[in-house]
Amino acid sequence: MRSNSDMTEPTNHNTDTDQRLTDLEIKASYADDLLDTLNQLVARQQEQIDLLLREVSRLRQRGGDDGLSAGPRDPRDELPPHY
């Protein structure tokens, strides 16, 4: 005949397994949320990079690379002497 401790042991094992499974599901949920957040961040950064590349291209077309543009230059656009 089984003792009471033998009968409760599988129940405790199932409870431990259920708790571990629940913990893993929670961790997976947090990981999925973090992945979604990081994907959104990367997408926003790529949009900003694309915008900046277009702006640099527009500025190059407007000002030229030879430094002989016709209009006056803004001193803030010039590199400091130590460069």
PDB file of N, CA and C in Angstrom:
ATOM      1  N   MET A   1       0.820  -1.168   0.000  1.00  0.00           N
ATOM      2  CA  MET A   1       0.000   0.000   0.000  1.00  0.00           C
ATOM      3  C   MET A   1       0.881   1.255   0.000  1.00  0.00           C
ATOM      4  N   ARG A   2       0.438   2.313  -0.654  1.00  0.00           N
ATOM      5  CA  ARG A   2       1.183   3.571  -0.730  1.00  0.00           C
ATOM      6  C   ARG A   2       0.945   4.418   0.496  1.00  0.00           C
ATOM      7  N   SER A   3       2.000   5.118   0.881  1.00  0.00           N
ATOM      8  CA  SER A   3       1.831   6.056   1.984  1.00  0.00           C
ATOM      9  C   SER A   3       1.346   7.382   1.425  1.00  0.00           C
ATOM     10  N   ASN A   4       0.945   8.267   2.306  1.00  0.00           N
ATOM     11  CA  ASN A   4       0.447   9.582   1.892  1.00  0.00           C
ATOM     12  C   ASN A   4       1.529  10.390   1.176  1.00  0.00           C
ATOM     13  N   SER A   5       2.782  10.244   1.586  1.00  0.00           N
ATOM     14  CA  SER A   5       3.863  11.000   0.947  1.00  0.00           C
ATOM     15  C   SER A   5       4.065  10.538  -0.493  1.00  0.00           C
ATOM     16  N   ASP A   6       3.835   9.245  -0.783  1.00  0.00           N
ATOM     17  CA  ASP A   6       3.949   8.762  -2.154  1.00  0.00           C
ATOM     18  C   ASP A   6       2.858   9.339  -3.043  1.00  0.00           C
ATOM     19  N   MET A   7       1.693   9.557  -2.492  1.00  0.00           N
ATOM     20  CA  MET A   7       0.575  10.081  -3.282  1.00  0.00           C
ATOM     21  C   MET A   7       0.726  11.572  -3.555  1.00  0.00           C
ATOM     22  N   THR A   8       1.328  12.286  -2.650  1.00  0.00           N
ATOM     23  CA  THR A   8       1.463  13.728  -2.845  1.00  0.00           C
ATOM     24  C   THR A   8       2.682  14.088  -3.666  1.00  0.00           C
ATOM     25  N   GLU A   9       3.611  13.205  -3.777  1.00  0.00           N
ATOM     26  CA  GLU A   9       4.835  13.514  -4.510  1.00  0.00           C
ATOM     27  C   GLU A   9       4.579  13.846  -5.976  1.00  0.00           C
ATOM     28  N   PRO A  10       3.788  13.063  -6.741  1.00  0.00           N
ATOM     29  CA  PRO A  10       3.519  13.449  -8.127  1.00  0.00           C
ATOM     30  C   PRO A  10       2.800  14.787  -8.222  1.00  0.00           C
ATOM     31  N   THR A  11       1.939  15.089  -7.266  1.00  0.00           N
ATOM     32  CA  THR A  11       1.232  16.363  -7.283  1.00  0.00           C
ATOM     33  C   THR A  11       2.226  17.511  -7.105  1.00  0.00           C
ATOM     34  N   ASN A  12       3.159  17.354  -6.188  1.00  0.00           N
ATOM     35  CA  ASN A  12       4.187  18.376  -5.991  1.00  0.00           C
ATOM     36  C   ASN A  12       5.048  18.514  -7.240  1.00  0.00           C
ATOM     37  N   HIS A  13       5.360  17.406  -7.855  1.00  0.00           N
ATOM     38  CA  HIS A  13       6.152  17.437  -9.084  1.00  0.00           C
ATOM     39  C   HIS A  13       5.392  18.173 -10.186  1.00  0.00           C
ATOM     40  N   ASN A  14       4.101  17.895 -10.312  1.00  0.00           N
ATOM     41  CA  ASN A  14       3.284  18.579 -11.317  1.00  0.00           C
ATOM     42  C   ASN A  14       3.183  20.066 -11.022  1.00  0.00           C
ATOM     43  N   THR A  15       3.063  20.415  -9.746  1.00  0.00           N
ATOM     44  CA  THR A  15       2.987  21.818  -9.363  1.00  0.00           C
ATOM     45  C   THR A  15       4.291  22.530  -9.710  1.00  0.00           C
ATOM     46  N   ASP A  16       5.418  21.896  -9.418  1.00  0.00           N
ATOM     47  CA  ASP A  16       6.719  22.483  -9.756  1.00  0.00           C
ATOM     48  C   ASP A  16       6.859  22.649 -11.267  1.00  0.00           C
ATOM     49  N   THR A  17       6.454  21.645 -12.016  1.00  0.00           N
ATOM     50  CA  THR A  17       6.536  21.705 -13.473  1.00  0.00           C
ATOM     51  C   THR A  17       5.626  22.793 -14.020  1.00  0.00           C
ATOM     52  N   ASP A  18       4.411  22.873 -13.469  1.00  0.00           N
ATOM     53  CA  ASP A  18       3.477  23.914 -13.903  1.00  0.00           C
ATOM     54  C   ASP A  18       4.035  25.305 -13.616  1.00  0.00           C
ATOM     55  N   GLN A  19       4.644  25.472 -12.432  1.00  0.00           N
ATOM     56  CA  GLN A  19       5.215  26.776 -12.082  1.00  0.00           C
ATOM     57  C   GLN A  19       6.380  27.123 -13.003  1.00  0.00           C
ATOM     58  N   ARG A  20       7.233  26.158 -13.287  1.00  0.00           N
ATOM     59  CA  ARG A  20       8.353  26.396 -14.195  1.00  0.00           C
ATOM     60  C   ARG A  20       7.853  26.731 -15.592  1.00  0.00           C
ATOM     61  N   LEU A  21       6.817  26.039 -16.039  1.00  0.00           N
ATOM     62  CA  LEU A  21       6.237  26.312 -17.349  1.00  0.00           C
ATOM     63  C   LEU A  21       5.635  27.715 -17.395  1.00  0.00           C
ATOM     64  N   THR A  22       4.940  28.087 -16.336  1.00  0.00           N
ATOM     65  CA  THR A  22       4.364  29.430 -16.249  1.00  0.00           C
ATOM     66  C   THR A  22       5.463  30.490 -16.284  1.00  0.00           C
ATOM     67  N   ASP A  23       6.539  30.252 -15.524  1.00  0.00           N
ATOM     68  CA  ASP A  23       7.662  31.197 -15.524  1.00  0.00           C
ATOM     69  C   ASP A  23       8.282  31.332 -16.915  1.00  0.00           C
ATOM     70  N   LEU A  24       8.430  30.229 -17.605  1.00  0.00           N
ATOM     71  CA  LEU A  24       8.986  30.271 -18.960  1.00  0.00           C
ATOM     72  C   LEU A  24       8.062  31.014 -19.920  1.00  0.00           C
ATOM     73  N   GLU A  25       6.759  30.815 -19.781  1.00  0.00           N
ATOM     74  CA  GLU A  25       5.802  31.524 -20.631  1.00  0.00           C
ATOM     75  C   GLU A  25       5.863  33.025 -20.371  1.00  0.00           C
ATOM     76  N   ILE A  26       6.018  33.405 -19.106  1.00  0.00           N
ATOM     77  CA  ILE A  26       6.129  34.830 -18.772  1.00  0.00           C
ATOM     78  C   ILE A  26       7.406  35.411 -19.385  1.00  0.00           C
ATOM     79  N   LYS A  27       8.507  34.699 -19.243  1.00  0.00           N
ATOM     80  CA  LYS A  27       9.770  35.170 -19.826  1.00  0.00           C
ATOM     81  C   LYS A  27       9.670  35.278 -21.343  1.00  0.00           C
ATOM     82  N   ALA A  28       9.032  34.309 -21.977  1.00  0.00           N
ATOM     83  CA  ALA A  28       8.866  34.354 -23.439  1.00  0.00           C
ATOM     84  C   ALA A  28       8.008  35.545 -23.837  1.00  0.00           C
ATOM     85  N   SER A  29       6.991  35.828 -23.047  1.00  0.00           N
ATOM     86  CA  SER A  29       6.134  36.978 -23.337  1.00  0.00           C
ATOM     87  C   SER A  29       6.915  38.288 -23.240  1.00  0.00           C
ATOM     88  N   TYR A  30       7.727  38.419 -22.191  1.00  0.00           N
ATOM     89  CA  TYR A  30       8.564  39.616 -22.056  1.00  0.00           C
ATOM     90  C   TYR A  30       9.577  39.716 -23.197  1.00  0.00           C
ATOM     91  N   ALA A  31      10.143  38.591 -23.592  1.00  0.00           N
ATOM     92  CA  ALA A  31      11.110  38.591 -24.697  1.00  0.00           C
ATOM     93  C   ALA A  31      10.435  39.008 -25.999  1.00  0.00           C
ATOM     94  N   ASP A  32       9.215  38.536 -26.244  1.00  0.00           N
ATOM     95  CA  ASP A  32       8.474  38.937 -27.441  1.00  0.00           C
ATOM     96  C   ASP A  32       8.189  40.436 -27.429  1.00  0.00           C
ATOM     97  N   ASP A  33       7.795  40.952 -26.269  1.00  0.00           N
ATOM     98  CA  ASP A  33       7.519  42.382 -26.148  1.00  0.00           C
ATOM     99  C   ASP A  33       8.785  43.200 -26.382  1.00  0.00           C
ATOM    100  N   LEU A  34       9.898  42.752 -25.820  1.00  0.00           N
ATOM    101  CA  LEU A  34      11.167  43.448 -26.020  1.00  0.00           C
ATOM    102  C   LEU A  34      11.571  43.421 -27.490  1.00  0.00           C
ATOM    103  N   LEU A  35      11.392  42.286 -28.137  1.00  0.00           N
ATOM    104  CA  LEU A  35      11.727  42.167 -29.554  1.00  0.00           C
ATOM    105  C   LEU A  35      10.888  43.124 -30.397  1.00  0.00           C
ATOM    106  N   ASP A  36       9.593  43.210 -30.103  1.00  0.00           N
ATOM    107  CA  ASP A  36       8.731  44.150 -30.826  1.00  0.00           C
ATOM    108  C   ASP A  36       9.187  45.590 -30.611  1.00  0.00           C
ATOM    109  N   THR A  37       9.521  45.922 -29.371  1.00  0.00           N
ATOM    110  CA  THR A  37       9.984  47.277 -29.063  1.00  0.00           C
ATOM    111  C   THR A  37      11.279  47.594 -29.806  1.00  0.00           C
ATOM    112  N   LEU A  38      12.217  46.658 -29.808  1.00  0.00           N
ATOM    113  CA  LEU A  38      13.488  46.881 -30.503  1.00  0.00           C
ATOM    114  C   LEU A  38      13.281  46.985 -32.014  1.00  0.00           C
ATOM    115  N   ASN A  39      12.382  46.185 -32.569  1.00  0.00           N
ATOM    116  CA  ASN A  39      12.093  46.277 -33.995  1.00  0.00           C
ATOM    117  C   ASN A  39      11.534  47.646 -34.355  1.00  0.00           C
ATOM    118  N   GLN A  40      10.639  48.169 -33.522  1.00  0.00           N
ATOM    119  CA  GLN A  40      10.086  49.506 -33.766  1.00  0.00           C
ATOM    120  C   GLN A  40      11.182  50.566 -33.673  1.00  0.00           C
ATOM    121  N   LEU A  41      12.070  50.422 -32.708  1.00  0.00           N
ATOM    122  CA  LEU A  41      13.172  51.370 -32.549  1.00  0.00           C
ATOM    123  C   LEU A  41      14.094  51.351 -33.766  1.00  0.00           C
ATOM    124  N   VAL A  42      14.439  50.161 -34.235  1.00  0.00           N
ATOM    125  CA  VAL A  42      15.309  50.040 -35.410  1.00  0.00           C
ATOM    126  C   VAL A  42      14.619  50.645 -36.637  1.00  0.00           C
ATOM    127  N   ALA A  43      13.329  50.422 -36.781  1.00  0.00           N
ATOM    128  CA  ALA A  43      12.601  50.986 -37.921  1.00  0.00           C
ATOM    129  C   ALA A  43      12.610  52.516 -37.865  1.00  0.00           C
ATOM    130  N   ARG A  44      12.397  53.089 -36.674  1.00  0.00           N
ATOM    131  CA  ARG A  44      12.439  54.557 -36.536  1.00  0.00           C
ATOM    132  C   ARG A  44      13.836  55.093 -36.827  1.00  0.00           C
ATOM    133  N   GLN A  45      14.849  54.403 -36.347  1.00  0.00           N
ATOM    134  CA  GLN A  45      16.216  54.854 -36.610  1.00  0.00           C
ATOM    135  C   GLN A  45      16.537  54.779 -38.094  1.00  0.00           C
ATOM    136  N   GLN A  46      16.055  53.754 -38.775  1.00  0.00           N
ATOM    137  CA  GLN A  46      16.297  53.650 -40.216  1.00  0.00           C
ATOM    138  C   GLN A  46      15.608  54.789 -40.958  1.00  0.00           C
ATOM    139  N   GLU A  47      14.398  55.152 -40.525  1.00  0.00           N
ATOM    140  CA  GLU A  47      13.712  56.300 -41.133  1.00  0.00           C
ATOM    141  C   GLU A  47      14.523  57.573 -40.929  1.00  0.00           C
ATOM    142  N   GLN A  48      15.081  57.751 -39.727  1.00  0.00           N
ATOM    143  CA  GLN A  48      15.897  58.938 -39.454  1.00  0.00           C
ATOM    144  C   GLN A  48      17.161  58.935 -40.297  1.00  0.00           C
ATOM    145  N   ILE A  49      17.787  57.790 -40.444  1.00  0.00           N
ATOM    146  CA  ILE A  49      18.987  57.684 -41.275  1.00  0.00           C
ATOM    147  C   ILE A  49      18.659  58.036 -42.718  1.00  0.00           C
ATOM    148  N   ASP A  50      17.559  57.489 -43.231  1.00  0.00           N
ATOM    149  CA  ASP A  50      17.155  57.796 -44.606  1.00  0.00           C
ATOM    150  C   ASP A  50      16.895  59.286 -44.778  1.00  0.00           C
ATOM    151  N   LEU A  51      16.225  59.900 -43.809  1.00  0.00           N
ATOM    152  CA  LEU A  51      15.959  61.336 -43.870  1.00  0.00           C
ATOM    153  C   LEU A  51      17.265  62.131 -43.868  1.00  0.00           C
ATOM    154  N   LEU A  52      18.198  61.746 -43.011  1.00  0.00           N
ATOM    155  CA  LEU A  52      19.480  62.449 -42.952  1.00  0.00           C
ATOM    156  C   LEU A  52      20.284  62.274 -44.236  1.00  0.00           C
ATOM    157  N   LEU A  53      20.234  61.083 -44.829  1.00  0.00           N
ATOM    158  CA  LEU A  53      20.941  60.865 -46.093  1.00  0.00           C
ATOM    159  C   LEU A  53      20.351  61.736 -47.205  1.00  0.00           C
ATOM    160  N   ARG A  54      19.027  61.843 -47.222  1.00  0.00           N
ATOM    161  CA  ARG A  54      18.397  62.712 -48.226  1.00  0.00           C
ATOM    162  C   ARG A  54      18.785  64.171 -48.002  1.00  0.00           C
ATOM    163  N   GLU A  55      18.842  64.579 -46.734  1.00  0.00           N
ATOM    164  CA  GLU A  55      19.220  65.959 -46.425  1.00  0.00           C
ATOM    165  C   GLU A  55      20.664  66.236 -46.822  1.00  0.00           C
ATOM    166  N   VAL A  56      21.561  65.326 -46.544  1.00  0.00           N
ATOM    167  CA  VAL A  56      22.966  65.496 -46.942  1.00  0.00           C
ATOM    168  C   VAL A  56      23.069  65.573 -48.460  1.00  0.00           C
ATOM    169  N   SER A  57      22.350  64.721 -49.141  1.00  0.00           N
ATOM    170  CA  SER A  57      22.368  64.738 -50.601  1.00  0.00           C
ATOM    171  C   SER A  57      21.845  66.071 -51.136  1.00  0.00           C
ATOM    172  N   ARG A  58      20.765  66.559 -50.530  1.00  0.00           N
ATOM    173  CA  ARG A  58      20.189  67.842 -50.960  1.00  0.00           C
ATOM    174  C   ARG A  58      21.185  68.971 -50.711  1.00  0.00           C
ATOM    175  N   LEU A  59      21.855  68.953 -49.569  1.00  0.00           N
ATOM    176  CA  LEU A  59      22.826  69.999 -49.266  1.00  0.00           C
ATOM    177  C   LEU A  59      24.022  69.947 -50.214  1.00  0.00           C
ATOM    178  N   ARG A  60      24.443  68.742 -50.562  1.00  0.00           N
ATOM    179  CA  ARG A  60      25.556  68.621 -51.515  1.00  0.00           C
ATOM    180  C   ARG A  60      25.170  69.157 -52.882  1.00  0.00           C
ATOM    181  N   GLN A  61      23.960  68.864 -53.320  1.00  0.00           N
ATOM    182  CA  GLN A  61      23.518  69.360 -54.628  1.00  0.00           C
ATOM    183  C   GLN A  61      23.392  70.874 -54.615  1.00  0.00           C
ATOM    184  N   ARG A  62      22.918  71.417 -53.518  1.00  0.00           N
ATOM    185  CA  ARG A  62      22.730  72.860 -53.418  1.00  0.00           C
ATOM    186  C   ARG A  62      24.059  73.598 -53.312  1.00  0.00           C
ATOM    187  N   GLY A  63      24.987  73.066 -52.507  1.00  0.00           N
ATOM    188  CA  GLY A  63      26.216  73.784 -52.246  1.00  0.00           C
ATOM    189  C   GLY A  63      27.385  73.346 -53.094  1.00  0.00           C
ATOM    190  N   GLY A  64      27.340  72.180 -53.648  1.00  0.00           N
ATOM    191  CA  GLY A  64      28.474  71.677 -54.407  1.00  0.00           C
ATOM    192  C   GLY A  64      29.594  71.252 -53.483  1.00  0.00           C
ATOM    193  N   ASP A  65      30.467  70.413 -53.981  1.00  0.00           N
ATOM    194  CA  ASP A  65      31.582  69.910 -53.185  1.00  0.00           C
ATOM    195  C   ASP A  65      32.855  70.703 -53.416  1.00  0.00           C
ATOM    196  N   ASP A  66      32.884  71.616 -54.391  1.00  0.00           N
ATOM    197  CA  ASP A  66      34.122  72.321 -54.722  1.00  0.00           C
ATOM    198  C   ASP A  66      34.375  73.550 -53.852  1.00  0.00           C
ATOM    199  N   GLY A  67      33.424  73.932 -53.024  1.00  0.00           N
ATOM    200  CA  GLY A  67      33.611  75.085 -52.149  1.00  0.00           C
ATOM    201  C   GLY A  67      33.531  76.412 -52.878  1.00  0.00           C
ATOM    202  N   LEU A  68      33.113  76.435 -54.118  1.00  0.00           N
ATOM    203  CA  LEU A  68      33.039  77.671 -54.900  1.00  0.00           C
ATOM    204  C   LEU A  68      31.597  78.113 -55.112  1.00  0.00           C
ATOM    205  N   SER A  69      30.748  77.893 -54.164  1.00  0.00           N
ATOM    206  CA  SER A  69      29.350  78.270 -54.337  1.00  0.00           C
ATOM    207  C   SER A  69      29.225  79.785 -54.407  1.00  0.00           C
ATOM    208  N   ALA A  70      28.230  80.244 -55.111  1.00  0.00           N
ATOM    209  CA  ALA A  70      28.077  81.671 -55.395  1.00  0.00           C
ATOM    210  C   ALA A  70      27.645  82.471 -54.175  1.00  0.00           C
ATOM    211  N   GLY A  71      26.793  81.903 -53.332  1.00  0.00           N
ATOM    212  CA  GLY A  71      26.247  82.652 -52.209  1.00  0.00           C
ATOM    213  C   GLY A  71      27.184  82.676 -51.011  1.00  0.00           C
ATOM    214  N   PRO A  72      26.886  83.559 -50.069  1.00  0.00           N
ATOM    215  CA  PRO A  72      27.699  83.609 -48.857  1.00  0.00           C
ATOM    216  C   PRO A  72      27.490  82.340 -48.024  1.00  0.00           C
ATOM    217  N   ARG A  73      28.553  81.931 -47.380  1.00  0.00           N
ATOM    218  CA  ARG A  73      28.485  80.704 -46.577  1.00  0.00           C
ATOM    219  C   ARG A  73      28.265  81.072 -45.115  1.00  0.00           C
ATOM    220  N   ASP A  74      27.547  80.238 -44.450  1.00  0.00           N
ATOM    221  CA  ASP A  74      27.305  80.413 -43.024  1.00  0.00           C
ATOM    222  C   ASP A  74      28.556  79.940 -42.270  1.00  0.00           C
ATOM    223  N   PRO A  75      29.140  80.763 -41.412  1.00  0.00           N
ATOM    224  CA  PRO A  75      30.354  80.349 -40.685  1.00  0.00           C
ATOM    225  C   PRO A  75      30.135  79.093 -39.840  1.00  0.00           C
ATOM    226  N   ARG A  76      28.897  78.829 -39.450  1.00  0.00           N
ATOM    227  CA  ARG A  76      28.623  77.625 -38.666  1.00  0.00           C
ATOM    228  C   ARG A  76      28.810  76.361 -39.499  1.00  0.00           C
ATOM    229  N   ASP A  77      28.779  76.471 -40.835  1.00  0.00           N
ATOM    230  CA  ASP A  77      28.976  75.320 -41.710  1.00  0.00           C
ATOM    231  C   ASP A  77      30.453  74.984 -41.897  1.00  0.00           C
ATOM    232  N   GLU A  78      31.340  75.897 -41.532  1.00  0.00           N
ATOM    233  CA  GLU A  78      32.769  75.705 -41.728  1.00  0.00           C
ATOM    234  C   GLU A  78      33.339  74.843 -40.585  1.00  0.00           C
ATOM    235  N   LEU A  79      34.378  74.063 -40.903  1.00  0.00           N
ATOM    236  CA  LEU A  79      35.060  73.284 -39.891  1.00  0.00           C
ATOM    237  C   LEU A  79      35.959  74.204 -39.077  1.00  0.00           C
ATOM    238  N   PRO A  80      36.073  73.942 -37.786  1.00  0.00           N
ATOM    239  CA  PRO A  80      36.990  74.745 -36.971  1.00  0.00           C
ATOM    240  C   PRO A  80      38.437  74.541 -37.449  1.00  0.00           C
ATOM    241  N   PRO A  81      39.326  75.498 -37.164  1.00  0.00           N
ATOM    242  CA  PRO A  81      40.704  75.431 -37.645  1.00  0.00           C
ATOM    243  C   PRO A  81      41.460  74.177 -37.197  1.00  0.00           C
ATOM    244  N   HIS A  82      41.141  73.619 -36.054  1.00  0.00           N
ATOM    245  CA  HIS A  82      41.898  72.456 -35.579  1.00  0.00           C
ATOM    246  C   HIS A  82      41.543  71.179 -36.316  1.00  0.00           C
ATOM    247  N   TYR A  83      40.615  71.216 -37.243  1.00  0.00           N
ATOM    248  CA  TYR A  83      40.292  70.043 -38.059  1.00  0.00           C
ATOM    249  C   TYR A  83      41.161  70.122 -39.284  1.00  0.00           C
TER     250      TYR A  83
END
